[in-house]
Amino acid sequence: MEKIKYNKLVRDGIPDLLKEQGKSFSTGVLNDKEYSIKLQEALVEEMECFVESRHDKLAGDIADLLEIIYAIAEQRGITEPEIEFTRQMKKKQLGGYGKKLIIEPAGG
């Protein structure tokens, strides 16, 4: 594991892993407002990791993004099944991205 980055939101199991490695640190618990801010920061950080990702790390980076998105949704009272239902409905109504379409100016 790399150097500890302080004052950032971490997965629940990270403190146990750091203890096993003999690292020195302390933990704190965020209030709802702080948690919301840290989730947004984590989303941006993980999105940057995804954009810069190597192919062999891509699945892990996508999994990290999903975990953060699910945490944001849960904090706002939205369940994973609701997200999936809404995703499927939008795909049925609007389609997916499989055709790789973009909209361009007319006559361009």
PDB file of N, CA and C in Angstrom:
ATOM      1  N   MET A   1       0.853  -1.185   0.000  1.00  0.00           N
ATOM      2  CA  MET A   1       0.000   0.000   0.000  1.00  0.00           C
ATOM      3  C   MET A   1       0.893   1.241   0.000  1.00  0.00           C
ATOM      4  N   GLU A   2       0.448   2.285  -0.645  1.00  0.00           N
ATOM      5  CA  GLU A   2       1.253   3.500  -0.759  1.00  0.00           C
ATOM      6  C   GLU A   2       1.185   4.346   0.503  1.00  0.00           C
ATOM      7  N   LYS A   3       1.837   5.477   0.471  1.00  0.00           N
ATOM      8  CA  LYS A   3       1.877   6.407   1.605  1.00  0.00           C
ATOM      9  C   LYS A   3       0.455   6.833   2.006  1.00  0.00           C
ATOM     10  N   ILE A   4       0.242   6.997   3.297  1.00  0.00           N
ATOM     11  CA  ILE A   4      -1.076   7.403   3.792  1.00  0.00           C
ATOM     12  C   ILE A   4      -1.381   8.824   3.338  1.00  0.00           C
ATOM     13  N   LYS A   5      -2.589   9.010   2.799  1.00  0.00           N
ATOM     14  CA  LYS A   5      -3.081  10.345   2.478  1.00  0.00           C
ATOM     15  C   LYS A   5      -4.066  10.714   3.574  1.00  0.00           C
ATOM     16  N   TYR A   6      -3.740  11.735   4.332  1.00  0.00           N
ATOM     17  CA  TYR A   6      -4.564  12.117   5.473  1.00  0.00           C
ATOM     18  C   TYR A   6      -5.731  13.006   5.058  1.00  0.00           C
ATOM     19  N   ASN A   7      -6.738  13.056   5.921  1.00  0.00           N
ATOM     20  CA  ASN A   7      -7.914  13.906   5.762  1.00  0.00           C
ATOM     21  C   ASN A   7      -8.699  13.604   4.490  1.00  0.00           C
ATOM     22  N   LYS A   8      -8.701  12.335   4.094  1.00  0.00           N
ATOM     23  CA  LYS A   8      -9.519  11.928   2.961  1.00  0.00           C
ATOM     24  C   LYS A   8     -10.394  10.764   3.389  1.00  0.00           C
ATOM     25  N   LEU A   9     -11.517  10.643   2.769  1.00  0.00           N
ATOM     26  CA  LEU A   9     -12.446   9.552   3.038  1.00  0.00           C
ATOM     27  C   LEU A   9     -11.816   8.248   2.563  1.00  0.00           C
ATOM     28  N   VAL A  10     -11.907   7.210   3.382  1.00  0.00           N
ATOM     29  CA  VAL A  10     -11.365   5.908   3.011  1.00  0.00           C
ATOM     30  C   VAL A  10     -12.436   4.833   3.199  1.00  0.00           C
ATOM     31  N   ARG A  11     -12.234   3.738   2.509  1.00  0.00           N
ATOM     32  CA  ARG A  11     -13.126   2.590   2.684  1.00  0.00           C
ATOM     33  C   ARG A  11     -13.027   2.100   4.122  1.00  0.00           C
ATOM     34  N   ASP A  12     -14.097   1.503   4.616  1.00  0.00           N
ATOM     35  CA  ASP A  12     -14.194   1.088   6.012  1.00  0.00           C
ATOM     36  C   ASP A  12     -13.086   0.127   6.455  1.00  0.00           C
ATOM     37  N   GLY A  13     -12.564  -0.683   5.553  1.00  0.00           N
ATOM     38  CA  GLY A  13     -11.553  -1.667   5.915  1.00  0.00           C
ATOM     39  C   GLY A  13     -10.119  -1.155   5.882  1.00  0.00           C
ATOM     40  N   ILE A  14      -9.909   0.059   5.390  1.00  0.00           N
ATOM     41  CA  ILE A  14      -8.548   0.596   5.254  1.00  0.00           C
ATOM     42  C   ILE A  14      -7.834   0.745   6.603  1.00  0.00           C
ATOM     43  N   PRO A  15      -8.480   1.256   7.659  1.00  0.00           N
ATOM     44  CA  PRO A  15      -7.766   1.349   8.936  1.00  0.00           C
ATOM     45  C   PRO A  15      -7.211   0.006   9.429  1.00  0.00           C
ATOM     46  N   ASP A  16      -7.961  -1.076   9.250  1.00  0.00           N
ATOM     47  CA  ASP A  16      -7.482  -2.394   9.665  1.00  0.00           C
ATOM     48  C   ASP A  16      -6.249  -2.804   8.865  1.00  0.00           C
ATOM     49  N   LEU A  17      -6.256  -2.528   7.569  1.00  0.00           N
ATOM     50  CA  LEU A  17      -5.098  -2.855   6.736  1.00  0.00           C
ATOM     51  C   LEU A  17      -3.871  -2.051   7.157  1.00  0.00           C
ATOM     52  N   LEU A  18      -4.082  -0.784   7.466  1.00  0.00           N
ATOM     53  CA  LEU A  18      -2.966   0.060   7.892  1.00  0.00           C
ATOM     54  C   LEU A  18      -2.396  -0.407   9.235  1.00  0.00           C
ATOM     55  N   LYS A  19      -3.275  -0.818  10.150  1.00  0.00           N
ATOM     56  CA  LYS A  19      -2.818  -1.349  11.441  1.00  0.00           C
ATOM     57  C   LYS A  19      -1.962  -2.597  11.233  1.00  0.00           C
ATOM     58  N   GLU A  20      -2.415  -3.486  10.342  1.00  0.00           N
ATOM     59  CA  GLU A  20      -1.664  -4.707  10.051  1.00  0.00           C
ATOM     60  C   GLU A  20      -0.272  -4.379   9.517  1.00  0.00           C
ATOM     61  N   GLN A  21      -0.153  -3.252   8.832  1.00  0.00           N
ATOM     62  CA  GLN A  21       1.135  -2.837   8.264  1.00  0.00           C
ATOM     63  C   GLN A  21       1.976  -2.043   9.270  1.00  0.00           C
ATOM     64  N   GLY A  22       1.437  -1.850  10.468  1.00  0.00           N
ATOM     65  CA  GLY A  22       2.172  -1.136  11.504  1.00  0.00           C
ATOM     66  C   GLY A  22       2.208   0.371  11.320  1.00  0.00           C
ATOM     67  N   LYS A  23       1.308   0.903  10.520  1.00  0.00           N
ATOM     68  CA  LYS A  23       1.261   2.356  10.277  1.00  0.00           C
ATOM     69  C   LYS A  23       0.658   3.059  11.487  1.00  0.00           C
ATOM     70  N   SER A  24       1.103   4.296  11.710  1.00  0.00           N
ATOM     71  CA  SER A  24       0.598   5.106  12.815  1.00  0.00           C
ATOM     72  C   SER A  24      -0.366   6.150  12.263  1.00  0.00           C
ATOM     73  N   PHE A  25      -1.581   6.184  12.806  1.00  0.00           N
ATOM     74  CA  PHE A  25      -2.618   7.108  12.335  1.00  0.00           C
ATOM     75  C   PHE A  25      -3.744   7.124  13.353  1.00  0.00           C
ATOM     76  N   SER A  26      -4.652   8.038  13.185  1.00  0.00           N
ATOM     77  CA  SER A  26      -5.885   8.010  13.964  1.00  0.00           C
ATOM     78  C   SER A  26      -7.044   8.180  12.984  1.00  0.00           C
ATOM     79  N   THR A  27      -8.240   7.856  13.431  1.00  0.00           N
ATOM     80  CA  THR A  27      -9.416   8.002  12.579  1.00  0.00           C
ATOM     81  C   THR A  27     -10.407   8.949  13.234  1.00  0.00           C
ATOM     82  N   GLY A  28     -11.285   9.471  12.446  1.00  0.00           N
ATOM     83  CA  GLY A  28     -12.370  10.306  12.932  1.00  0.00           C
ATOM     84  C   GLY A  28     -13.628   9.933  12.177  1.00  0.00           C
ATOM     85  N   VAL A  29     -14.753  10.388  12.674  1.00  0.00           N
ATOM     86  CA  VAL A  29     -16.034  10.139  12.027  1.00  0.00           C
ATOM     87  C   VAL A  29     -16.610  11.484  11.610  1.00  0.00           C
ATOM     88  N   LEU A  30     -17.018  11.571  10.361  1.00  0.00           N
ATOM     89  CA  LEU A  30     -17.544  12.810   9.799  1.00  0.00           C
ATOM     90  C   LEU A  30     -19.020  12.993  10.127  1.00  0.00           C
ATOM     91  N   ASN A  31     -19.452  14.249  10.230  1.00  0.00           N
ATOM     92  CA  ASN A  31     -20.890  14.502  10.304  1.00  0.00           C
ATOM     93  C   ASN A  31     -21.445  14.430   8.880  1.00  0.00           C
ATOM     94  N   ASP A  32     -22.749  14.508   8.725  1.00  0.00           N
ATOM     95  CA  ASP A  32     -23.366  14.335   7.405  1.00  0.00           C
ATOM     96  C   ASP A  32     -22.876  15.347   6.374  1.00  0.00           C
ATOM     97  N   LYS A  33     -22.732  16.598   6.778  1.00  0.00           N
ATOM     98  CA  LYS A  33     -22.278  17.625   5.830  1.00  0.00           C
ATOM     99  C   LYS A  33     -20.835  17.357   5.395  1.00  0.00           C
ATOM    100  N   GLU A  34     -19.970  17.048   6.356  1.00  0.00           N
ATOM    101  CA  GLU A  34     -18.574  16.745   6.038  1.00  0.00           C
ATOM    102  C   GLU A  34     -18.482  15.500   5.147  1.00  0.00           C
ATOM    103  N   TYR A  35     -19.294  14.495   5.474  1.00  0.00           N
ATOM    104  CA  TYR A  35     -19.318  13.250   4.694  1.00  0.00           C
ATOM    105  C   TYR A  35     -19.696  13.531   3.246  1.00  0.00           C
ATOM    106  N   SER A  36     -20.707  14.363   3.046  1.00  0.00           N
ATOM    107  CA  SER A  36     -21.138  14.721   1.705  1.00  0.00           C
ATOM    108  C   SER A  36     -19.999  15.381   0.925  1.00  0.00           C
ATOM    109  N   ILE A  37     -19.311  16.297   1.565  1.00  0.00           N
ATOM    110  CA  ILE A  37     -18.191  16.992   0.920  1.00  0.00           C
ATOM    111  C   ILE A  37     -17.080  16.001   0.576  1.00  0.00           C
ATOM    112  N   LYS A  38     -16.732  15.125   1.519  1.00  0.00           N
ATOM    113  CA  LYS A  38     -15.656  14.154   1.290  1.00  0.00           C
ATOM    114  C   LYS A  38     -16.038  13.125   0.220  1.00  0.00           C
ATOM    115  N   LEU A  39     -17.318  12.757   0.138  1.00  0.00           N
ATOM    116  CA  LEU A  39     -17.757  11.864  -0.927  1.00  0.00           C
ATOM    117  C   LEU A  39     -17.567  12.526  -2.289  1.00  0.00           C
ATOM    118  N   GLN A  40     -17.902  13.803  -2.379  1.00  0.00           N
ATOM    119  CA  GLN A  40     -17.724  14.514  -3.645  1.00  0.00           C
ATOM    120  C   GLN A  40     -16.245  14.617  -4.013  1.00  0.00           C
ATOM    121  N   GLU A  41     -15.395  14.878  -3.020  1.00  0.00           N
ATOM    122  CA  GLU A  41     -13.958  14.922  -3.266  1.00  0.00           C
ATOM    123  C   GLU A  41     -13.455  13.557  -3.743  1.00  0.00           C
ATOM    124  N   ALA A  42     -13.942  12.493  -3.112  1.00  0.00           N
ATOM    125  CA  ALA A  42     -13.534  11.142  -3.491  1.00  0.00           C
ATOM    126  C   ALA A  42     -13.997  10.817  -4.907  1.00  0.00           C
ATOM    127  N   LEU A  43     -15.192  11.277  -5.266  1.00  0.00           N
ATOM    128  CA  LEU A  43     -15.708  11.043  -6.611  1.00  0.00           C
ATOM    129  C   LEU A  43     -14.803  11.695  -7.650  1.00  0.00           C
ATOM    130  N   VAL A  44     -14.403  12.929  -7.399  1.00  0.00           N
ATOM    131  CA  VAL A  44     -13.505  13.633  -8.324  1.00  0.00           C
ATOM    132  C   VAL A  44     -12.161  12.906  -8.412  1.00  0.00           C
ATOM    133  N   GLU A  45     -11.613  12.512  -7.259  1.00  0.00           N
ATOM    134  CA  GLU A  45     -10.323  11.822  -7.240  1.00  0.00           C
ATOM    135  C   GLU A  45     -10.392  10.496  -8.000  1.00  0.00           C
ATOM    136  N   GLU A  46     -11.447   9.731  -7.762  1.00  0.00           N
ATOM    137  CA  GLU A  46     -11.578   8.443  -8.448  1.00  0.00           C
ATOM    138  C   GLU A  46     -11.846   8.628  -9.936  1.00  0.00           C
ATOM    139  N   MET A  47     -12.545   9.684 -10.304  1.00  0.00           N
ATOM    140  CA  MET A  47     -12.774   9.962 -11.722  1.00  0.00           C
ATOM    141  C   MET A  47     -11.442  10.273 -12.407  1.00  0.00           C
ATOM    142  N   GLU A  48     -10.583  11.036 -11.728  1.00  0.00           N
ATOM    143  CA  GLU A  48      -9.261  11.329 -12.281  1.00  0.00           C
ATOM    144  C   GLU A  48      -8.445  10.047 -12.435  1.00  0.00           C
ATOM    145  N   CYS A  49      -8.522   9.161 -11.446  1.00  0.00           N
ATOM    146  CA  CYS A  49      -7.829   7.868 -11.537  1.00  0.00           C
ATOM    147  C   CYS A  49      -8.353   7.071 -12.727  1.00  0.00           C
ATOM    148  N   PHE A  50      -9.660   7.065 -12.909  1.00  0.00           N
ATOM    149  CA  PHE A  50     -10.269   6.336 -14.020  1.00  0.00           C
ATOM    150  C   PHE A  50      -9.779   6.887 -15.350  1.00  0.00           C
ATOM    151  N   VAL A  51      -9.770   8.201 -15.504  1.00  0.00           N
ATOM    152  CA  VAL A  51      -9.362   8.827 -16.768  1.00  0.00           C
ATOM    153  C   VAL A  51      -7.910   8.478 -17.102  1.00  0.00           C
ATOM    154  N   GLU A  52      -7.074   8.385 -16.077  1.00  0.00           N
ATOM    155  CA  GLU A  52      -5.652   8.096 -16.280  1.00  0.00           C
ATOM    156  C   GLU A  52      -5.330   6.607 -16.183  1.00  0.00           C
ATOM    157  N   SER A  53      -6.330   5.769 -16.023  1.00  0.00           N
ATOM    158  CA  SER A  53      -6.139   4.358 -15.714  1.00  0.00           C
ATOM    159  C   SER A  53      -5.503   3.575 -16.852  1.00  0.00           C
ATOM    160  N   ARG A  54      -4.658   2.617 -16.439  1.00  0.00           N
ATOM    161  CA  ARG A  54      -4.143   1.628 -17.377  1.00  0.00           C
ATOM    162  C   ARG A  54      -5.214   0.552 -17.529  1.00  0.00           C
ATOM    163  N   HIS A  55      -5.165  -0.142 -18.636  1.00  0.00           N
ATOM    164  CA  HIS A  55      -6.169  -1.169 -18.916  1.00  0.00           C
ATOM    165  C   HIS A  55      -6.252  -2.218 -17.809  1.00  0.00           C
ATOM    166  N   ASP A  56      -5.112  -2.607 -17.238  1.00  0.00           N
ATOM    167  CA  ASP A  56      -5.125  -3.660 -16.226  1.00  0.00           C
ATOM    168  C   ASP A  56      -5.725  -3.205 -14.898  1.00  0.00           C
ATOM    169  N   LYS A  57      -5.918  -1.899 -14.709  1.00  0.00           N
ATOM    170  CA  LYS A  57      -6.522  -1.374 -13.479  1.00  0.00           C
ATOM    171  C   LYS A  57      -7.942  -0.859 -13.705  1.00  0.00           C
ATOM    172  N   LEU A  58      -8.414  -0.916 -14.927  1.00  0.00           N
ATOM    173  CA  LEU A  58      -9.682  -0.296 -15.292  1.00  0.00           C
ATOM    174  C   LEU A  58     -10.871  -0.834 -14.501  1.00  0.00           C
ATOM    175  N   ALA A  59     -10.979  -2.145 -14.361  1.00  0.00           N
ATOM    176  CA  ALA A  59     -12.121  -2.725 -13.630  1.00  0.00           C
ATOM    177  C   ALA A  59     -12.123  -2.253 -12.180  1.00  0.00           C
ATOM    178  N   GLY A  60     -10.961  -2.193 -11.561  1.00  0.00           N
ATOM    179  CA  GLY A  60     -10.868  -1.720 -10.179  1.00  0.00           C
ATOM    180  C   GLY A  60     -11.251  -0.264 -10.047  1.00  0.00           C
ATOM    181  N   ASP A  61     -10.828   0.553 -11.002  1.00  0.00           N
ATOM    182  CA  ASP A  61     -11.173   1.974 -10.956  1.00  0.00           C
ATOM    183  C   ASP A  61     -12.671   2.191 -11.161  1.00  0.00           C
ATOM    184  N   ILE A  62     -13.273   1.422 -12.046  1.00  0.00           N
ATOM    185  CA  ILE A  62     -14.727   1.515 -12.241  1.00  0.00           C
ATOM    186  C   ILE A  62     -15.453   1.055 -10.983  1.00  0.00           C
ATOM    187  N   ALA A  63     -14.963  -0.013 -10.345  1.00  0.00           N
ATOM    188  CA  ALA A  63     -15.567  -0.498  -9.099  1.00  0.00           C
ATOM    189  C   ALA A  63     -15.487   0.570  -8.013  1.00  0.00           C
ATOM    190  N   ASP A  64     -14.351   1.266  -7.926  1.00  0.00           N
ATOM    191  CA  ASP A  64     -14.210   2.341  -6.939  1.00  0.00           C
ATOM    192  C   ASP A  64     -15.211   3.461  -7.208  1.00  0.00           C
ATOM    193  N   LEU A  65     -15.379   3.827  -8.468  1.00  0.00           N
ATOM    194  CA  LEU A  65     -16.362   4.855  -8.821  1.00  0.00           C
ATOM    195  C   LEU A  65     -17.767   4.432  -8.414  1.00  0.00           C
ATOM    196  N   LEU A  66     -18.122   3.201  -8.731  1.00  0.00           N
ATOM    197  CA  LEU A  66     -19.455   2.711  -8.368  1.00  0.00           C
ATOM    198  C   LEU A  66     -19.671   2.713  -6.861  1.00  0.00           C
ATOM    199  N   GLU A  67     -18.650   2.315  -6.104  1.00  0.00           N
ATOM    200  CA  GLU A  67     -18.781   2.290  -4.648  1.00  0.00           C
ATOM    201  C   GLU A  67     -19.065   3.687  -4.105  1.00  0.00           C
ATOM    202  N   ILE A  68     -18.385   4.670  -4.634  1.00  0.00           N
ATOM    203  CA  ILE A  68     -18.613   6.053  -4.203  1.00  0.00           C
ATOM    204  C   ILE A  68     -19.993   6.531  -4.633  1.00  0.00           C
ATOM    205  N   ILE A  69     -20.382   6.211  -5.849  1.00  0.00           N
ATOM    206  CA  ILE A  69     -21.715   6.609  -6.324  1.00  0.00           C
ATOM    207  C   ILE A  69     -22.799   5.974  -5.459  1.00  0.00           C
ATOM    208  N   TYR A  70     -22.634   4.696  -5.125  1.00  0.00           N
ATOM    209  CA  TYR A  70     -23.612   4.040  -4.250  1.00  0.00           C
ATOM    210  C   TYR A  70     -23.636   4.677  -2.862  1.00  0.00           C
ATOM    211  N   ALA A  71     -22.480   5.084  -2.350  1.00  0.00           N
ATOM    212  CA  ALA A  71     -22.428   5.739  -1.031  1.00  0.00           C
ATOM    213  C   ALA A  71     -23.135   7.098  -1.085  1.00  0.00           C
ATOM    214  N   ILE A  72     -22.917   7.847  -2.166  1.00  0.00           N
ATOM    215  CA  ILE A  72     -23.601   9.138  -2.332  1.00  0.00           C
ATOM    216  C   ILE A  72     -25.108   8.918  -2.385  1.00  0.00           C
ATOM    217  N   ALA A  73     -25.519   7.942  -3.156  1.00  0.00           N
ATOM    218  CA  ALA A  73     -26.947   7.643  -3.274  1.00  0.00           C
ATOM    219  C   ALA A  73     -27.536   7.249  -1.929  1.00  0.00           C
ATOM    220  N   GLU A  74     -26.844   6.363  -1.206  1.00  0.00           N
ATOM    221  CA  GLU A  74     -27.341   5.911   0.102  1.00  0.00           C
ATOM    222  C   GLU A  74     -27.484   7.079   1.060  1.00  0.00           C
ATOM    223  N   GLN A  75     -26.495   7.970   1.047  1.00  0.00           N
ATOM    224  CA  GLN A  75     -26.553   9.131   1.935  1.00  0.00           C
ATOM    225  C   GLN A  75     -27.772  10.008   1.616  1.00  0.00           C
ATOM    226  N   ARG A  76     -28.181   9.986   0.372  1.00  0.00           N
ATOM    227  CA  ARG A  76     -29.325  10.815  -0.049  1.00  0.00           C
ATOM    228  C   ARG A  76     -30.622  10.025  -0.116  1.00  0.00           C
ATOM    229  N   GLY A  77     -30.602   8.814   0.440  1.00  0.00           N
ATOM    230  CA  GLY A  77     -31.831   8.025   0.545  1.00  0.00           C
ATOM    231  C   GLY A  77     -32.218   7.275  -0.709  1.00  0.00           C
ATOM    232  N   ILE A  78     -31.265   7.013  -1.591  1.00  0.00           N
ATOM    233  CA  ILE A  78     -31.541   6.302  -2.839  1.00  0.00           C
ATOM    234  C   ILE A  78     -30.839   4.946  -2.765  1.00  0.00           C
ATOM    235  N   THR A  79     -31.573   3.882  -3.064  1.00  0.00           N
ATOM    236  CA  THR A  79     -31.015   2.536  -2.971  1.00  0.00           C
ATOM    237  C   THR A  79     -30.379   2.110  -4.298  1.00  0.00           C
ATOM    238  N   GLU A  80     -29.526   1.077  -4.209  1.00  0.00           N
ATOM    239  CA  GLU A  80     -28.915   0.527  -5.420  1.00  0.00           C
ATOM    240  C   GLU A  80     -29.983   0.026  -6.399  1.00  0.00           C
ATOM    241  N   PRO A  81     -31.022  -0.691  -5.926  1.00  0.00           N
ATOM    242  CA  PRO A  81     -32.068  -1.107  -6.870  1.00  0.00           C
ATOM    243  C   PRO A  81     -32.774   0.081  -7.548  1.00  0.00           C
ATOM    244  N   GLU A  82     -32.957   1.187  -6.817  1.00  0.00           N
ATOM    245  CA  GLU A  82     -33.564   2.369  -7.443  1.00  0.00           C
ATOM    246  C   GLU A  82     -32.676   2.919  -8.552  1.00  0.00           C
ATOM    247  N   ILE A  83     -31.378   2.941  -8.291  1.00  0.00           N
ATOM    248  CA  ILE A  83     -30.442   3.428  -9.308  1.00  0.00           C
ATOM    249  C   ILE A  83     -30.518   2.536 -10.544  1.00  0.00           C
ATOM    250  N   GLU A  84     -30.478   1.229 -10.332  1.00  0.00           N
ATOM    251  CA  GLU A  84     -30.502   0.305 -11.463  1.00  0.00           C
ATOM    252  C   GLU A  84     -31.823   0.384 -12.216  1.00  0.00           C
ATOM    253  N   PHE A  85     -32.935   0.506 -11.498  1.00  0.00           N
ATOM    254  CA  PHE A  85     -34.235   0.640 -12.153  1.00  0.00           C
ATOM    255  C   PHE A  85     -34.263   1.907 -13.004  1.00  0.00           C
ATOM    256  N   THR A  86     -33.797   3.007 -12.439  1.00  0.00           N
ATOM    257  CA  THR A  86     -33.790   4.279 -13.164  1.00  0.00           C
ATOM    258  C   THR A  86     -32.864   4.203 -14.373  1.00  0.00           C
ATOM    259  N   ARG A  87     -31.702   3.556 -14.202  1.00  0.00           N
ATOM    260  CA  ARG A  87     -30.773   3.404 -15.319  1.00  0.00           C
ATOM    261  C   ARG A  87     -31.422   2.618 -16.458  1.00  0.00           C
ATOM    262  N   GLN A  88     -32.096   1.524 -16.101  1.00  0.00           N
ATOM    263  CA  GLN A  88     -32.753   0.701 -17.117  1.00  0.00           C
ATOM    264  C   GLN A  88     -33.883   1.465 -17.815  1.00  0.00           C
ATOM    265  N   MET A  89     -34.664   2.223 -17.044  1.00  0.00           N
ATOM    266  CA  MET A  89     -35.756   3.011 -17.638  1.00  0.00           C
ATOM    267  C   MET A  89     -35.204   4.057 -18.604  1.00  0.00           C
ATOM    268  N   LYS A  90     -34.157   4.761 -18.191  1.00  0.00           N
ATOM    269  CA  LYS A  90     -33.556   5.773 -19.065  1.00  0.00           C
ATOM    270  C   LYS A  90     -32.976   5.131 -20.323  1.00  0.00           C
ATOM    271  N   LYS A  91     -32.384   3.952 -20.153  1.00  0.00           N
ATOM    272  CA  LYS A  91     -31.831   3.261 -21.317  1.00  0.00           C
ATOM    273  C   LYS A  91     -32.949   2.850 -22.268  1.00  0.00           C
ATOM    274  N   LYS A  92     -34.068   2.392 -21.709  1.00  0.00           N
ATOM    275  CA  LYS A  92     -35.207   1.996 -22.540  1.00  0.00           C
ATOM    276  C   LYS A  92     -35.788   3.202 -23.277  1.00  0.00           C
ATOM    277  N   GLN A  93     -35.888   4.332 -22.576  1.00  0.00           N
ATOM    278  CA  GLN A  93     -36.478   5.534 -23.171  1.00  0.00           C
ATOM    279  C   GLN A  93     -35.526   6.266 -24.110  1.00  0.00           C
ATOM    280  N   LEU A  94     -34.259   6.357 -23.725  1.00  0.00           N
ATOM    281  CA  LEU A  94     -33.305   7.185 -24.456  1.00  0.00           C
ATOM    282  C   LEU A  94     -32.197   6.406 -25.152  1.00  0.00           C
ATOM    283  N   GLY A  95     -32.084   5.122 -24.822  1.00  0.00           N
ATOM    284  CA  GLY A  95     -31.017   4.304 -25.376  1.00  0.00           C
ATOM    285  C   GLY A  95     -29.779   4.358 -24.496  1.00  0.00           C
ATOM    286  N   GLY A  96     -28.776   3.623 -24.915  1.00  0.00           N
ATOM    287  CA  GLY A  96     -27.491   3.609 -24.215  1.00  0.00           C
ATOM    288  C   GLY A  96     -26.485   4.437 -24.990  1.00  0.00           C
ATOM    289  N   TYR A  97     -25.254   4.008 -24.948  1.00  0.00           N
ATOM    290  CA  TYR A  97     -24.182   4.706 -25.654  1.00  0.00           C
ATOM    291  C   TYR A  97     -23.475   3.796 -26.643  1.00  0.00           C
ATOM    292  N   GLY A  98     -24.045   2.646 -26.921  1.00  0.00           N
ATOM    293  CA  GLY A  98     -23.420   1.643 -27.773  1.00  0.00           C
ATOM    294  C   GLY A  98     -23.188   2.058 -29.209  1.00  0.00           C
ATOM    295  N   LYS A  99     -23.996   2.984 -29.716  1.00  0.00           N
ATOM    296  CA  LYS A  99     -23.826   3.420 -31.117  1.00  0.00           C
ATOM    297  C   LYS A  99     -22.753   4.491 -31.271  1.00  0.00           C
ATOM    298  N   LYS A 100     -22.213   4.965 -30.163  1.00  0.00           N
ATOM    299  CA  LYS A 100     -21.107   5.939 -30.164  1.00  0.00           C
ATOM    300  C   LYS A 100     -21.466   7.236 -30.895  1.00  0.00           C
ATOM    301  N   LEU A 101     -22.706   7.680 -30.736  1.00  0.00           N
ATOM    302  CA  LEU A 101     -23.208   8.854 -31.453  1.00  0.00           C
ATOM    303  C   LEU A 101     -22.794  10.163 -30.791  1.00  0.00           C
ATOM    304  N   ILE A 102     -22.588  11.185 -31.595  1.00  0.00           N
ATOM    305  CA  ILE A 102     -22.451  12.562 -31.109  1.00  0.00           C
ATOM    306  C   ILE A 102     -23.381  13.442 -31.944  1.00  0.00           C
ATOM    307  N   ILE A 103     -23.763  14.558 -31.402  1.00  0.00           N
ATOM    308  CA  ILE A 103     -24.581  15.525 -32.136  1.00  0.00           C
ATOM    309  C   ILE A 103     -23.644  16.609 -32.660  1.00  0.00           C
ATOM    310  N   GLU A 104     -23.779  16.917 -33.945  1.00  0.00           N
ATOM    311  CA  GLU A 104     -22.954  17.933 -34.577  1.00  0.00           C
ATOM    312  C   GLU A 104     -23.839  19.022 -35.149  1.00  0.00           C
ATOM    313  N   PRO A 105     -23.289  20.184 -35.385  1.00  0.00           N
ATOM    314  CA  PRO A 105     -24.084  21.256 -36.008  1.00  0.00           C
ATOM    315  C   PRO A 105     -24.587  20.832 -37.379  1.00  0.00           C
ATOM    316  N   ALA A 106     -25.787  21.272 -37.722  1.00  0.00           N
ATOM    317  CA  ALA A 106     -26.355  20.959 -39.035  1.00  0.00           C
ATOM    318  C   ALA A 106     -25.495  21.599 -40.122  1.00  0.00           C
ATOM    319  N   GLY A 107     -25.330  20.871 -41.211  1.00  0.00           N
ATOM    320  CA  GLY A 107     -24.566  21.387 -42.347  1.00  0.00           C
ATOM    321  C   GLY A 107     -23.067  21.392 -42.089  1.00  0.00           C
ATOM    322  N   GLY A 108     -22.626  20.822 -40.962  1.00  0.00           N
ATOM    323  CA  GLY A 108     -21.210  20.856 -40.601  1.00  0.00           C
ATOM    324  C   GLY A 108     -20.482  19.727 -41.156  1.00  0.00           C
TER     325      GLY A 108
END
